[in-house]
Amino acid sequence: MHLNTVIFDMDGLLIDSEPLWQRAAEEALARHNIRLSDEQYHQTTGLGTRQFVEKFMAPLSPTEQLLSVTENKIVSNVIDMVRDEALPMPGVPEIFELFRSRNFKIGLATSSPFALIRVVTEKLGIQESLAAISSGNELPYGKPHPQVFLNCAEELGASPLHCICFEDSFNGMIAAKAARMTCVVVPAPAQRDHGRWDAADKKLNSLLEFNNDLLNELGNK
C-alpha cells in the first residue's frame, strides 16, 4: 500500500489536553449535580463537545439553550487552560519532521472547534506544516463516524487508502478504520493494555517510537 498522506488527531495525541477537557467537563456538569467516573469520561474521548453534553445531560431533558450554554462553557474553559497550561506530547517535533522529510501531505482531523485548533497549532508551531485542517465540531456526526477524516483526506487531495492516521482515542481509531485508513494509536497509559486497540494497525507508547522503519512496514502491508 502506497502511503503518501498523514492525518493527525489533536487532543491527547499532539497536546496534553485531555486532563483539561475532563476538568472543564466535570466543573460544568457538577453545576447540574452530574458526576462522572473516570471510566465514563474515558469512554467518550474523541466525541465532540455537543455529543458529550447531550449524552450526560439527557436525564435532565435539557433545553437547547442549556445545552449550548454548557457546551460553550466547557470549550471556553478548555481554551483558556490549554493556552496557559497544556504541554506538547513527546515526539511531536520529531514526527512532523519525519513526514516532512518524506514529502507527505499533512493534515489535522479533530473533534475540537476551530477556536481551540488555532490555539494548539500556534502553541505547537505546526501551522505551516498543515495543508488541511478538518473539525468535526460542526458535523452532524463526530467520531466514531469517519466523516472528519474523509473530509480531511478530500481537502488534501488524497485517497483514504493512501492515508496513515494517528489517534489516541478508541472512538478516533474506529473512525479512522471506518474511513479505510491505516491507523496508529498512542493510547493513554491507563488504557494501553485494553484489547480493543487490536483493531489498530500499530500501537505505540509514544510518538517518539515511530520511525522510518515502522512507516515502511505499514506501507508494505
N, C-alpha and C. Protein backbone atom coordinates (compact mmCIF):
# COMPACT_ATOMS: atom_id res chain seq x y z
N MET A 1 0.84 -1.19 0.00
CA MET A 1 0.00 0.00 0.00
C MET A 1 0.89 1.25 0.00
N HIS A 2 0.64 2.14 -0.94
CA HIS A 2 1.46 3.34 -1.04
C HIS A 2 0.89 4.44 -0.13
N LEU A 3 1.60 4.74 0.94
CA LEU A 3 1.17 5.80 1.86
C LEU A 3 1.87 7.10 1.48
N ASN A 4 1.08 8.16 1.33
CA ASN A 4 1.68 9.46 0.99
C ASN A 4 1.07 10.63 1.76
N THR A 5 0.16 10.30 2.69
CA THR A 5 -0.56 11.33 3.43
C THR A 5 -0.68 10.92 4.89
N VAL A 6 -0.50 11.87 5.80
CA VAL A 6 -0.67 11.60 7.21
C VAL A 6 -1.70 12.56 7.79
N ILE A 7 -2.58 12.03 8.63
CA ILE A 7 -3.60 12.84 9.29
C ILE A 7 -3.49 12.60 10.80
N PHE A 8 -3.33 13.67 11.53
CA PHE A 8 -3.19 13.60 12.98
C PHE A 8 -4.48 14.02 13.68
N ASP A 9 -4.83 13.30 14.74
CA ASP A 9 -5.77 13.81 15.73
C ASP A 9 -5.03 14.90 16.50
N MET A 10 -5.70 15.56 17.43
CA MET A 10 -5.04 16.65 18.15
C MET A 10 -5.00 16.42 19.66
N ASP A 11 -6.15 16.48 20.32
CA ASP A 11 -6.20 16.39 21.78
C ASP A 11 -5.73 15.03 22.26
N GLY A 12 -4.78 15.04 23.18
CA GLY A 12 -4.28 13.79 23.74
C GLY A 12 -3.23 13.12 22.89
N LEU A 13 -3.08 13.56 21.65
CA LEU A 13 -2.08 13.00 20.75
C LEU A 13 -0.93 13.98 20.53
N LEU A 14 -1.26 15.21 20.15
CA LEU A 14 -0.24 16.24 19.91
C LEU A 14 -0.07 17.16 21.11
N ILE A 15 -1.13 17.33 21.89
CA ILE A 15 -1.10 18.24 23.04
C ILE A 15 -1.75 17.53 24.22
N ASP A 16 -1.18 17.72 25.40
CA ASP A 16 -1.68 17.02 26.60
C ASP A 16 -2.88 17.77 27.17
N SER A 17 -3.98 17.72 26.43
CA SER A 17 -5.16 18.50 26.80
C SER A 17 -6.30 17.67 27.37
N GLU A 18 -6.22 16.33 27.28
CA GLU A 18 -7.34 15.52 27.76
C GLU A 18 -7.65 15.74 29.24
N PRO A 19 -6.64 15.84 30.13
CA PRO A 19 -6.97 16.13 31.53
C PRO A 19 -7.67 17.48 31.70
N LEU A 20 -7.37 18.42 30.82
CA LEU A 20 -8.00 19.74 30.89
C LEU A 20 -9.44 19.67 30.42
N TRP A 21 -9.70 18.90 29.36
CA TRP A 21 -11.07 18.67 28.92
C TRP A 21 -11.89 18.01 30.04
N GLN A 22 -11.29 17.03 30.69
CA GLN A 22 -12.02 16.33 31.76
C GLN A 22 -12.33 17.29 32.91
N ARG A 23 -11.37 18.12 33.28
CA ARG A 23 -11.59 19.07 34.37
C ARG A 23 -12.70 20.06 34.02
N ALA A 24 -12.65 20.59 32.80
CA ALA A 24 -13.67 21.55 32.38
C ALA A 24 -15.05 20.90 32.32
N ALA A 25 -15.11 19.67 31.84
CA ALA A 25 -16.39 18.96 31.75
C ALA A 25 -16.96 18.67 33.13
N GLU A 26 -16.11 18.22 34.03
CA GLU A 26 -16.56 17.92 35.39
C GLU A 26 -17.10 19.16 36.08
N GLU A 27 -16.42 20.29 35.90
CA GLU A 27 -16.86 21.54 36.52
C GLU A 27 -18.21 21.97 35.97
N ALA A 28 -18.39 21.85 34.65
CA ALA A 28 -19.64 22.28 34.03
C ALA A 28 -20.81 21.38 34.43
N LEU A 29 -20.59 20.07 34.47
CA LEU A 29 -21.66 19.14 34.80
C LEU A 29 -21.99 19.15 36.29
N ALA A 30 -21.00 19.45 37.12
CA ALA A 30 -21.23 19.50 38.57
C ALA A 30 -22.26 20.55 38.94
N ARG A 31 -22.37 21.59 38.12
CA ARG A 31 -23.38 22.63 38.36
C ARG A 31 -24.79 22.05 38.30
N HIS A 32 -24.92 20.92 37.62
CA HIS A 32 -26.23 20.27 37.47
C HIS A 32 -26.27 18.95 38.24
N ASN A 33 -25.36 18.81 39.22
CA ASN A 33 -25.28 17.61 40.07
C ASN A 33 -25.04 16.34 39.27
N ILE A 34 -24.29 16.46 38.18
CA ILE A 34 -23.90 15.29 37.39
C ILE A 34 -22.42 15.04 37.62
N ARG A 35 -22.11 13.83 38.04
CA ARG A 35 -20.71 13.49 38.31
C ARG A 35 -20.36 12.21 37.55
N LEU A 36 -19.20 12.24 36.90
CA LEU A 36 -18.77 11.13 36.07
C LEU A 36 -17.58 10.41 36.70
N SER A 37 -17.55 9.10 36.53
CA SER A 37 -16.36 8.34 36.90
C SER A 37 -15.31 8.53 35.81
N ASP A 38 -14.06 8.22 36.13
CA ASP A 38 -13.02 8.31 35.12
C ASP A 38 -13.35 7.42 33.93
N GLU A 39 -13.90 6.24 34.20
CA GLU A 39 -14.22 5.30 33.12
C GLU A 39 -15.31 5.86 32.21
N GLN A 40 -16.33 6.48 32.80
CA GLN A 40 -17.37 7.10 31.99
C GLN A 40 -16.79 8.18 31.09
N TYR A 41 -15.89 8.98 31.64
CA TYR A 41 -15.31 10.05 30.83
C TYR A 41 -14.46 9.49 29.71
N HIS A 42 -13.60 8.51 30.03
CA HIS A 42 -12.68 7.99 29.02
C HIS A 42 -13.41 7.30 27.88
N GLN A 43 -14.59 6.77 28.15
CA GLN A 43 -15.37 6.14 27.07
C GLN A 43 -15.83 7.15 26.03
N THR A 44 -15.83 8.42 26.40
CA THR A 44 -16.32 9.45 25.48
C THR A 44 -15.18 10.19 24.78
N THR A 45 -13.93 9.84 25.06
CA THR A 45 -12.80 10.52 24.45
C THR A 45 -12.91 10.44 22.93
N GLY A 46 -12.77 11.58 22.29
CA GLY A 46 -12.89 11.64 20.84
C GLY A 46 -14.24 12.15 20.36
N LEU A 47 -15.25 12.15 21.24
CA LEU A 47 -16.55 12.69 20.86
C LEU A 47 -16.47 14.21 20.78
N GLY A 48 -17.36 14.81 20.01
CA GLY A 48 -17.48 16.26 20.01
C GLY A 48 -18.08 16.73 21.31
N THR A 49 -17.86 17.99 21.65
CA THR A 49 -18.36 18.52 22.92
C THR A 49 -19.87 18.46 22.98
N ARG A 50 -20.55 18.79 21.88
CA ARG A 50 -22.03 18.74 21.89
C ARG A 50 -22.52 17.31 22.14
N GLN A 51 -21.90 16.33 21.48
CA GLN A 51 -22.29 14.94 21.71
C GLN A 51 -22.10 14.56 23.17
N PHE A 52 -20.97 15.00 23.74
CA PHE A 52 -20.67 14.71 25.15
C PHE A 52 -21.74 15.30 26.06
N VAL A 53 -22.05 16.57 25.84
CA VAL A 53 -23.03 17.27 26.69
C VAL A 53 -24.40 16.62 26.56
N GLU A 54 -24.82 16.32 25.35
CA GLU A 54 -26.13 15.71 25.14
C GLU A 54 -26.22 14.36 25.82
N LYS A 55 -25.15 13.59 25.77
CA LYS A 55 -25.14 12.25 26.36
C LYS A 55 -25.36 12.28 27.87
N PHE A 56 -24.64 13.16 28.56
CA PHE A 56 -24.68 13.12 30.02
C PHE A 56 -25.73 14.04 30.63
N MET A 57 -26.26 14.98 29.84
CA MET A 57 -27.33 15.83 30.35
C MET A 57 -28.72 15.32 29.95
N ALA A 58 -28.77 14.24 29.19
CA ALA A 58 -30.05 13.71 28.71
C ALA A 58 -31.05 13.46 29.83
N PRO A 59 -30.63 12.92 30.99
CA PRO A 59 -31.62 12.67 32.06
C PRO A 59 -32.32 13.94 32.56
N LEU A 60 -31.75 15.11 32.29
CA LEU A 60 -32.35 16.37 32.73
C LEU A 60 -33.34 16.92 31.72
N SER A 61 -33.45 16.27 30.55
CA SER A 61 -34.28 16.79 29.45
C SER A 61 -33.97 18.27 29.21
N PRO A 62 -32.71 18.59 28.93
CA PRO A 62 -32.30 19.99 28.85
C PRO A 62 -32.84 20.70 27.61
N THR A 63 -33.01 22.00 27.73
CA THR A 63 -33.39 22.81 26.58
C THR A 63 -32.18 23.00 25.67
N GLU A 64 -32.42 23.41 24.44
CA GLU A 64 -31.34 23.70 23.51
C GLU A 64 -30.44 24.79 24.06
N GLN A 65 -31.03 25.77 24.72
CA GLN A 65 -30.24 26.86 25.29
C GLN A 65 -29.30 26.35 26.37
N LEU A 66 -29.80 25.46 27.24
CA LEU A 66 -28.96 24.93 28.31
C LEU A 66 -27.81 24.10 27.74
N LEU A 67 -28.10 23.32 26.71
CA LEU A 67 -27.05 22.52 26.07
C LEU A 67 -25.98 23.43 25.48
N SER A 68 -26.40 24.48 24.81
CA SER A 68 -25.44 25.41 24.18
C SER A 68 -24.61 26.14 25.21
N VAL A 69 -25.24 26.59 26.28
CA VAL A 69 -24.51 27.29 27.35
C VAL A 69 -23.46 26.38 27.97
N THR A 70 -23.84 25.13 28.24
CA THR A 70 -22.92 24.18 28.86
C THR A 70 -21.77 23.85 27.92
N GLU A 71 -22.09 23.61 26.65
CA GLU A 71 -21.06 23.33 25.65
C GLU A 71 -20.08 24.50 25.55
N ASN A 72 -20.60 25.70 25.44
CA ASN A 72 -19.74 26.88 25.28
C ASN A 72 -18.87 27.12 26.50
N LYS A 73 -19.41 26.83 27.68
CA LYS A 73 -18.65 26.99 28.91
C LYS A 73 -17.47 26.03 28.95
N ILE A 74 -17.72 24.79 28.58
CA ILE A 74 -16.64 23.79 28.56
C ILE A 74 -15.54 24.21 27.58
N VAL A 75 -15.94 24.56 26.36
CA VAL A 75 -14.96 24.93 25.33
C VAL A 75 -14.17 26.16 25.75
N SER A 76 -14.85 27.17 26.27
CA SER A 76 -14.17 28.40 26.69
C SER A 76 -13.14 28.12 27.77
N ASN A 77 -13.51 27.30 28.75
CA ASN A 77 -12.57 26.97 29.83
C ASN A 77 -11.38 26.17 29.32
N VAL A 78 -11.63 25.24 28.39
CA VAL A 78 -10.53 24.44 27.84
C VAL A 78 -9.56 25.32 27.07
N ILE A 79 -10.08 26.23 26.27
CA ILE A 79 -9.20 27.12 25.51
C ILE A 79 -8.29 27.90 26.44
N ASP A 80 -8.85 28.44 27.52
CA ASP A 80 -8.04 29.19 28.49
C ASP A 80 -6.98 28.30 29.13
N MET A 81 -7.38 27.08 29.52
CA MET A 81 -6.44 26.19 30.19
C MET A 81 -5.36 25.69 29.25
N VAL A 82 -5.73 25.39 28.01
CA VAL A 82 -4.74 24.93 27.04
C VAL A 82 -3.72 26.04 26.78
N ARG A 83 -4.21 27.26 26.60
CA ARG A 83 -3.31 28.38 26.36
C ARG A 83 -2.32 28.57 27.52
N ASP A 84 -2.80 28.35 28.75
CA ASP A 84 -1.97 28.64 29.93
C ASP A 84 -1.17 27.44 30.44
N GLU A 85 -1.68 26.22 30.22
CA GLU A 85 -1.12 25.07 30.93
C GLU A 85 -0.63 23.92 30.05
N ALA A 86 -1.25 23.71 28.90
CA ALA A 86 -1.01 22.48 28.15
C ALA A 86 0.40 22.40 27.59
N LEU A 87 0.93 21.20 27.57
CA LEU A 87 2.27 20.94 27.04
C LEU A 87 2.18 20.02 25.83
N PRO A 88 3.14 20.13 24.91
CA PRO A 88 3.17 19.21 23.76
C PRO A 88 3.38 17.78 24.24
N MET A 89 2.83 16.83 23.53
CA MET A 89 3.11 15.43 23.83
C MET A 89 4.50 15.09 23.29
N PRO A 90 5.18 14.13 23.92
CA PRO A 90 6.52 13.76 23.46
C PRO A 90 6.52 13.30 22.00
N GLY A 91 7.48 13.77 21.23
CA GLY A 91 7.67 13.29 19.87
C GLY A 91 7.01 14.11 18.79
N VAL A 92 6.32 15.20 19.15
CA VAL A 92 5.62 15.99 18.12
C VAL A 92 6.59 16.59 17.10
N PRO A 93 7.64 17.30 17.52
CA PRO A 93 8.55 17.87 16.50
C PRO A 93 9.19 16.80 15.62
N GLU A 94 9.55 15.68 16.26
CA GLU A 94 10.24 14.62 15.53
C GLU A 94 9.35 13.96 14.48
N ILE A 95 8.08 13.71 14.82
CA ILE A 95 7.23 13.02 13.86
C ILE A 95 6.82 13.93 12.71
N PHE A 96 6.66 15.22 13.00
CA PHE A 96 6.37 16.16 11.90
C PHE A 96 7.57 16.26 10.96
N GLU A 97 8.77 16.27 11.53
CA GLU A 97 9.96 16.34 10.68
C GLU A 97 10.11 15.08 9.84
N LEU A 98 9.78 13.93 10.41
CA LEU A 98 9.85 12.67 9.66
C LEU A 98 8.95 12.73 8.43
N PHE A 99 7.71 13.15 8.62
CA PHE A 99 6.77 13.16 7.49
C PHE A 99 7.09 14.28 6.50
N ARG A 100 7.63 15.39 6.98
CA ARG A 100 8.07 16.43 6.04
C ARG A 100 9.21 15.92 5.17
N SER A 101 10.13 15.17 5.80
CA SER A 101 11.29 14.66 5.05
C SER A 101 10.89 13.63 4.00
N ARG A 102 9.73 13.00 4.21
CA ARG A 102 9.22 12.01 3.24
C ARG A 102 8.23 12.64 2.26
N ASN A 103 8.09 13.95 2.32
CA ASN A 103 7.20 14.70 1.41
C ASN A 103 5.74 14.24 1.50
N PHE A 104 5.32 13.88 2.71
CA PHE A 104 3.91 13.53 2.93
C PHE A 104 3.06 14.78 2.99
N LYS A 105 1.84 14.68 2.50
CA LYS A 105 0.83 15.71 2.77
C LYS A 105 0.38 15.53 4.22
N ILE A 106 0.26 16.61 4.95
CA ILE A 106 -0.02 16.53 6.38
C ILE A 106 -1.32 17.26 6.70
N GLY A 107 -2.22 16.57 7.42
CA GLY A 107 -3.49 17.17 7.81
C GLY A 107 -3.80 16.93 9.28
N LEU A 108 -4.80 17.65 9.76
CA LEU A 108 -5.26 17.54 11.15
C LEU A 108 -6.76 17.31 11.12
N ALA A 109 -7.24 16.29 11.84
CA ALA A 109 -8.67 15.99 11.91
C ALA A 109 -9.05 15.78 13.37
N THR A 110 -9.83 16.68 13.92
CA THR A 110 -10.12 16.68 15.33
C THR A 110 -11.58 16.98 15.60
N SER A 111 -12.07 16.55 16.75
CA SER A 111 -13.43 16.87 17.16
C SER A 111 -13.53 18.28 17.74
N SER A 112 -12.40 18.91 18.01
CA SER A 112 -12.39 20.22 18.66
C SER A 112 -12.79 21.34 17.71
N PRO A 113 -13.30 22.43 18.26
CA PRO A 113 -13.68 23.59 17.42
C PRO A 113 -12.46 24.35 16.92
N PHE A 114 -12.65 25.15 15.89
CA PHE A 114 -11.54 25.87 15.28
C PHE A 114 -10.88 26.86 16.24
N ALA A 115 -11.64 27.39 17.19
CA ALA A 115 -11.04 28.33 18.15
C ALA A 115 -9.94 27.66 18.96
N LEU A 116 -10.15 26.41 19.34
CA LEU A 116 -9.12 25.68 20.07
C LEU A 116 -8.02 25.20 19.13
N ILE A 117 -8.38 24.80 17.94
CA ILE A 117 -7.37 24.35 16.97
C ILE A 117 -6.34 25.45 16.74
N ARG A 118 -6.80 26.69 16.61
CA ARG A 118 -5.88 27.81 16.39
C ARG A 118 -4.91 27.96 17.55
N VAL A 119 -5.42 27.85 18.78
CA VAL A 119 -4.56 27.97 19.96
C VAL A 119 -3.50 26.88 19.97
N VAL A 120 -3.92 25.63 19.70
CA VAL A 120 -3.00 24.50 19.76
C VAL A 120 -1.95 24.55 18.65
N THR A 121 -2.39 24.81 17.42
CA THR A 121 -1.43 24.81 16.31
C THR A 121 -0.40 25.93 16.46
N GLU A 122 -0.83 27.07 17.00
CA GLU A 122 0.12 28.16 17.26
C GLU A 122 1.08 27.78 18.38
N LYS A 123 0.55 27.15 19.41
CA LYS A 123 1.39 26.75 20.55
C LYS A 123 2.44 25.72 20.13
N LEU A 124 2.06 24.82 19.23
CA LEU A 124 2.97 23.78 18.78
C LEU A 124 3.85 24.23 17.61
N GLY A 125 3.48 25.34 16.99
CA GLY A 125 4.25 25.83 15.84
C GLY A 125 4.15 24.95 14.62
N ILE A 126 2.97 24.37 14.39
CA ILE A 126 2.80 23.43 13.27
C ILE A 126 1.91 23.98 12.17
N GLN A 127 1.51 25.26 12.27
CA GLN A 127 0.57 25.81 11.29
C GLN A 127 1.08 25.64 9.86
N GLU A 128 2.37 25.93 9.65
CA GLU A 128 2.91 25.91 8.28
C GLU A 128 3.01 24.50 7.71
N SER A 129 3.01 23.50 8.57
CA SER A 129 3.13 22.12 8.11
C SER A 129 1.80 21.52 7.68
N LEU A 130 0.70 22.13 8.10
CA LEU A 130 -0.63 21.56 7.87
C LEU A 130 -1.22 22.07 6.56
N ALA A 131 -1.46 21.14 5.64
CA ALA A 131 -2.07 21.50 4.37
C ALA A 131 -3.59 21.46 4.44
N ALA A 132 -4.14 20.86 5.49
CA ALA A 132 -5.60 20.79 5.66
C ALA A 132 -5.92 20.61 7.14
N ILE A 133 -6.99 21.25 7.58
CA ILE A 133 -7.49 21.10 8.95
C ILE A 133 -8.99 20.83 8.86
N SER A 134 -9.43 19.75 9.48
CA SER A 134 -10.84 19.38 9.47
C SER A 134 -11.34 19.28 10.91
N SER A 135 -12.44 19.96 11.21
CA SER A 135 -13.04 19.92 12.54
C SER A 135 -14.37 19.19 12.48
N GLY A 136 -14.54 18.26 13.39
CA GLY A 136 -15.81 17.53 13.47
C GLY A 136 -16.83 18.25 14.32
N ASN A 137 -16.46 19.41 14.86
CA ASN A 137 -17.32 20.11 15.82
C ASN A 137 -18.66 20.50 15.22
N GLU A 138 -18.68 20.82 13.93
CA GLU A 138 -19.92 21.27 13.31
C GLU A 138 -20.53 20.23 12.38
N LEU A 139 -19.98 19.03 12.37
CA LEU A 139 -20.54 17.97 11.54
C LEU A 139 -21.75 17.33 12.22
N PRO A 140 -22.69 16.78 11.45
CA PRO A 140 -23.85 16.12 12.06
C PRO A 140 -23.44 14.96 12.97
N TYR A 141 -22.38 14.26 12.57
CA TYR A 141 -21.89 13.12 13.35
C TYR A 141 -20.39 13.25 13.52
N GLY A 142 -19.92 13.20 14.76
CA GLY A 142 -18.50 13.22 15.03
C GLY A 142 -17.95 11.81 15.15
N LYS A 143 -16.69 11.70 15.54
CA LYS A 143 -16.10 10.39 15.77
C LYS A 143 -16.99 9.64 16.78
N PRO A 144 -17.23 8.34 16.56
CA PRO A 144 -16.56 7.38 15.67
C PRO A 144 -17.02 7.38 14.21
N HIS A 145 -17.86 8.31 13.81
CA HIS A 145 -18.20 8.44 12.40
C HIS A 145 -16.95 8.91 11.65
N PRO A 146 -16.69 8.40 10.45
CA PRO A 146 -15.43 8.71 9.75
C PRO A 146 -15.40 10.04 9.00
N GLN A 147 -16.50 10.81 9.01
CA GLN A 147 -16.58 11.96 8.12
C GLN A 147 -15.46 12.96 8.30
N VAL A 148 -15.04 13.22 9.53
CA VAL A 148 -13.99 14.22 9.75
C VAL A 148 -12.69 13.81 9.07
N PHE A 149 -12.39 12.52 9.06
CA PHE A 149 -11.19 12.02 8.39
C PHE A 149 -11.35 12.06 6.87
N LEU A 150 -12.53 11.69 6.40
CA LEU A 150 -12.79 11.71 4.96
C LEU A 150 -12.74 13.14 4.42
N ASN A 151 -13.26 14.09 5.19
CA ASN A 151 -13.20 15.49 4.77
C ASN A 151 -11.76 15.98 4.67
N CYS A 152 -10.94 15.58 5.64
CA CYS A 152 -9.54 16.00 5.65
C CYS A 152 -8.80 15.40 4.46
N ALA A 153 -9.04 14.13 4.19
CA ALA A 153 -8.39 13.48 3.05
C ALA A 153 -8.80 14.14 1.74
N GLU A 154 -10.08 14.47 1.63
CA GLU A 154 -10.56 15.13 0.41
C GLU A 154 -9.89 16.49 0.22
N GLU A 155 -9.77 17.25 1.31
CA GLU A 155 -9.13 18.55 1.23
C GLU A 155 -7.65 18.42 0.85
N LEU A 156 -7.04 17.33 1.27
CA LEU A 156 -5.63 17.08 0.95
C LEU A 156 -5.46 16.50 -0.46
N GLY A 157 -6.57 16.13 -1.10
CA GLY A 157 -6.49 15.51 -2.42
C GLY A 157 -5.93 14.11 -2.36
N ALA A 158 -6.25 13.39 -1.28
CA ALA A 158 -5.67 12.06 -1.06
C ALA A 158 -6.76 11.00 -0.98
N SER A 159 -6.45 9.82 -1.46
CA SER A 159 -7.33 8.67 -1.25
C SER A 159 -7.19 8.20 0.20
N PRO A 160 -8.31 7.88 0.87
CA PRO A 160 -8.20 7.33 2.23
C PRO A 160 -7.27 6.13 2.31
N LEU A 161 -7.19 5.36 1.23
CA LEU A 161 -6.34 4.17 1.23
C LEU A 161 -4.85 4.51 1.26
N HIS A 162 -4.52 5.76 0.99
CA HIS A 162 -3.13 6.20 1.00
C HIS A 162 -2.80 7.03 2.23
N CYS A 163 -3.74 7.03 3.20
CA CYS A 163 -3.56 7.85 4.41
C CYS A 163 -3.17 6.99 5.61
N ILE A 164 -2.26 7.52 6.41
CA ILE A 164 -1.96 6.95 7.72
C ILE A 164 -2.46 7.95 8.75
N CYS A 165 -3.20 7.45 9.72
CA CYS A 165 -3.82 8.31 10.73
C CYS A 165 -3.25 7.98 12.11
N PHE A 166 -3.01 9.01 12.90
CA PHE A 166 -2.54 8.84 14.28
C PHE A 166 -3.64 9.27 15.23
N GLU A 167 -3.98 8.40 16.18
CA GLU A 167 -5.07 8.64 17.12
C GLU A 167 -4.67 8.19 18.53
N ASP A 168 -5.36 8.76 19.51
CA ASP A 168 -5.15 8.31 20.89
C ASP A 168 -6.43 7.75 21.50
N SER A 169 -7.58 7.94 20.83
CA SER A 169 -8.85 7.51 21.41
C SER A 169 -9.44 6.33 20.66
N PHE A 170 -10.27 5.57 21.36
CA PHE A 170 -10.95 4.42 20.74
C PHE A 170 -11.94 4.90 19.67
N ASN A 171 -12.70 5.95 19.99
CA ASN A 171 -13.64 6.49 19.01
C ASN A 171 -12.92 6.98 17.75
N GLY A 172 -11.76 7.58 17.95
CA GLY A 172 -10.97 8.04 16.82
C GLY A 172 -10.43 6.90 15.98
N MET A 173 -9.98 5.84 16.65
CA MET A 173 -9.47 4.67 15.93
C MET A 173 -10.58 4.05 15.07
N ILE A 174 -11.78 3.91 15.63
CA ILE A 174 -12.90 3.34 14.88
C ILE A 174 -13.22 4.22 13.67
N ALA A 175 -13.17 5.54 13.86
CA ALA A 175 -13.44 6.46 12.76
C ALA A 175 -12.41 6.31 11.66
N ALA A 176 -11.14 6.21 12.03
CA ALA A 176 -10.07 6.08 11.02
C ALA A 176 -10.20 4.77 10.25
N LYS A 177 -10.48 3.69 10.97
CA LYS A 177 -10.62 2.39 10.29
C LYS A 177 -11.87 2.37 9.41
N ALA A 178 -12.95 3.04 9.87
CA ALA A 178 -14.16 3.12 9.05
C ALA A 178 -13.90 3.91 7.77
N ALA A 179 -12.95 4.84 7.85
CA ALA A 179 -12.56 5.62 6.66
C ALA A 179 -11.60 4.84 5.77
N ARG A 180 -11.23 3.63 6.17
CA ARG A 180 -10.33 2.73 5.43
C ARG A 180 -8.89 3.27 5.42
N MET A 181 -8.52 3.92 6.50
CA MET A 181 -7.16 4.43 6.63
C MET A 181 -6.32 3.52 7.51
N THR A 182 -5.02 3.51 7.27
CA THR A 182 -4.08 2.85 8.18
C THR A 182 -4.07 3.65 9.47
N CYS A 183 -4.17 2.98 10.61
CA CYS A 183 -4.30 3.70 11.89
C CYS A 183 -3.25 3.27 12.90
N VAL A 184 -2.53 4.25 13.43
CA VAL A 184 -1.57 4.05 14.52
C VAL A 184 -2.15 4.70 15.77
N VAL A 185 -2.21 3.96 16.86
CA VAL A 185 -2.78 4.50 18.09
C VAL A 185 -1.69 4.69 19.14
N VAL A 186 -1.87 5.76 19.92
CA VAL A 186 -1.00 6.05 21.06
C VAL A 186 -1.91 6.25 22.27
N PRO A 187 -2.39 5.16 22.88
CA PRO A 187 -3.37 5.28 23.96
C PRO A 187 -2.77 5.89 25.22
N ALA A 188 -3.64 6.45 26.05
CA ALA A 188 -3.21 6.93 27.37
C ALA A 188 -2.71 5.73 28.18
N PRO A 189 -1.71 5.93 29.05
CA PRO A 189 -1.12 4.80 29.79
C PRO A 189 -2.14 3.92 30.51
N ALA A 190 -3.15 4.52 31.12
CA ALA A 190 -4.12 3.74 31.89
C ALA A 190 -4.98 2.85 31.01
N GLN A 191 -5.03 3.13 29.71
CA GLN A 191 -5.88 2.36 28.80
C GLN A 191 -5.08 1.49 27.84
N ARG A 192 -3.77 1.54 27.94
CA ARG A 192 -2.91 0.96 26.91
C ARG A 192 -3.05 -0.55 26.75
N ASP A 193 -3.38 -1.25 27.83
CA ASP A 193 -3.42 -2.71 27.78
C ASP A 193 -4.77 -3.27 27.36
N HIS A 194 -5.75 -2.43 27.07
CA HIS A 194 -7.06 -2.91 26.65
C HIS A 194 -6.95 -3.61 25.29
N GLY A 195 -7.64 -4.74 25.17
CA GLY A 195 -7.60 -5.50 23.94
C GLY A 195 -8.26 -4.80 22.76
N ARG A 196 -9.05 -3.77 23.03
CA ARG A 196 -9.77 -3.10 21.94
C ARG A 196 -8.84 -2.42 20.95
N TRP A 197 -7.59 -2.15 21.36
CA TRP A 197 -6.65 -1.49 20.45
C TRP A 197 -6.13 -2.43 19.38
N ASP A 198 -6.50 -3.71 19.46
CA ASP A 198 -6.03 -4.67 18.47
C ASP A 198 -6.54 -4.35 17.07
N ALA A 199 -7.57 -3.54 16.98
CA ALA A 199 -8.10 -3.16 15.65
C ALA A 199 -7.17 -2.19 14.93
N ALA A 200 -6.25 -1.58 15.65
CA ALA A 200 -5.31 -0.64 15.03
C ALA A 200 -4.23 -1.41 14.26
N ASP A 201 -3.60 -0.72 13.33
CA ASP A 201 -2.50 -1.33 12.58
C ASP A 201 -1.21 -1.34 13.38
N LYS A 202 -1.10 -0.41 14.33
CA LYS A 202 0.09 -0.35 15.19
C LYS A 202 -0.26 0.40 16.47
N LYS A 203 0.26 -0.08 17.59
CA LYS A 203 0.07 0.59 18.88
C LYS A 203 1.42 1.01 19.43
N LEU A 204 1.51 2.27 19.84
CA LEU A 204 2.76 2.82 20.37
C LEU A 204 2.56 3.34 21.79
N ASN A 205 3.65 3.42 22.53
CA ASN A 205 3.62 4.06 23.84
C ASN A 205 3.78 5.57 23.72
N SER A 206 4.39 6.02 22.63
CA SER A 206 4.67 7.43 22.42
C SER A 206 4.93 7.67 20.95
N LEU A 207 4.69 8.89 20.49
CA LEU A 207 5.03 9.25 19.12
C LEU A 207 6.53 9.12 18.86
N LEU A 208 7.33 9.20 19.92
CA LEU A 208 8.78 9.06 19.78
C LEU A 208 9.18 7.70 19.23
N GLU A 209 8.31 6.70 19.37
CA GLU A 209 8.63 5.35 18.91
C GLU A 209 8.47 5.20 17.39
N PHE A 210 7.77 6.13 16.77
CA PHE A 210 7.53 5.99 15.34
C PHE A 210 8.75 6.42 14.55
N ASN A 211 9.10 5.64 13.52
CA ASN A 211 10.29 5.95 12.73
C ASN A 211 10.10 5.48 11.28
N ASN A 212 11.13 5.68 10.48
CA ASN A 212 11.06 5.30 9.06
C ASN A 212 10.83 3.81 8.87
N ASP A 213 11.42 2.99 9.73
CA ASP A 213 11.23 1.54 9.59
C ASP A 213 9.76 1.15 9.78
N LEU A 214 9.11 1.74 10.79
CA LEU A 214 7.69 1.45 11.01
C LEU A 214 6.84 1.96 9.86
N LEU A 215 7.18 3.13 9.35
CA LEU A 215 6.45 3.68 8.22
C LEU A 215 6.57 2.76 7.00
N ASN A 216 7.76 2.28 6.74
CA ASN A 216 7.96 1.36 5.62
C ASN A 216 7.20 0.05 5.83
N GLU A 217 7.21 -0.42 7.08
CA GLU A 217 6.50 -1.67 7.40
C GLU A 217 5.00 -1.51 7.13
N LEU A 218 4.42 -0.40 7.58
CA LEU A 218 2.99 -0.16 7.37
C LEU A 218 2.68 0.03 5.90
N GLY A 219 3.58 0.67 5.18
CA GLY A 219 3.37 0.89 3.74
C GLY A 219 3.44 -0.38 2.93
N ASN A 220 4.08 -1.41 3.49
CA ASN A 220 4.25 -2.66 2.76
C ASN A 220 3.16 -3.69 3.10
N LYS A 221 2.22 -3.30 3.95
CA LYS A 221 1.16 -4.26 4.34
C LYS A 221 0.23 -4.52 3.16
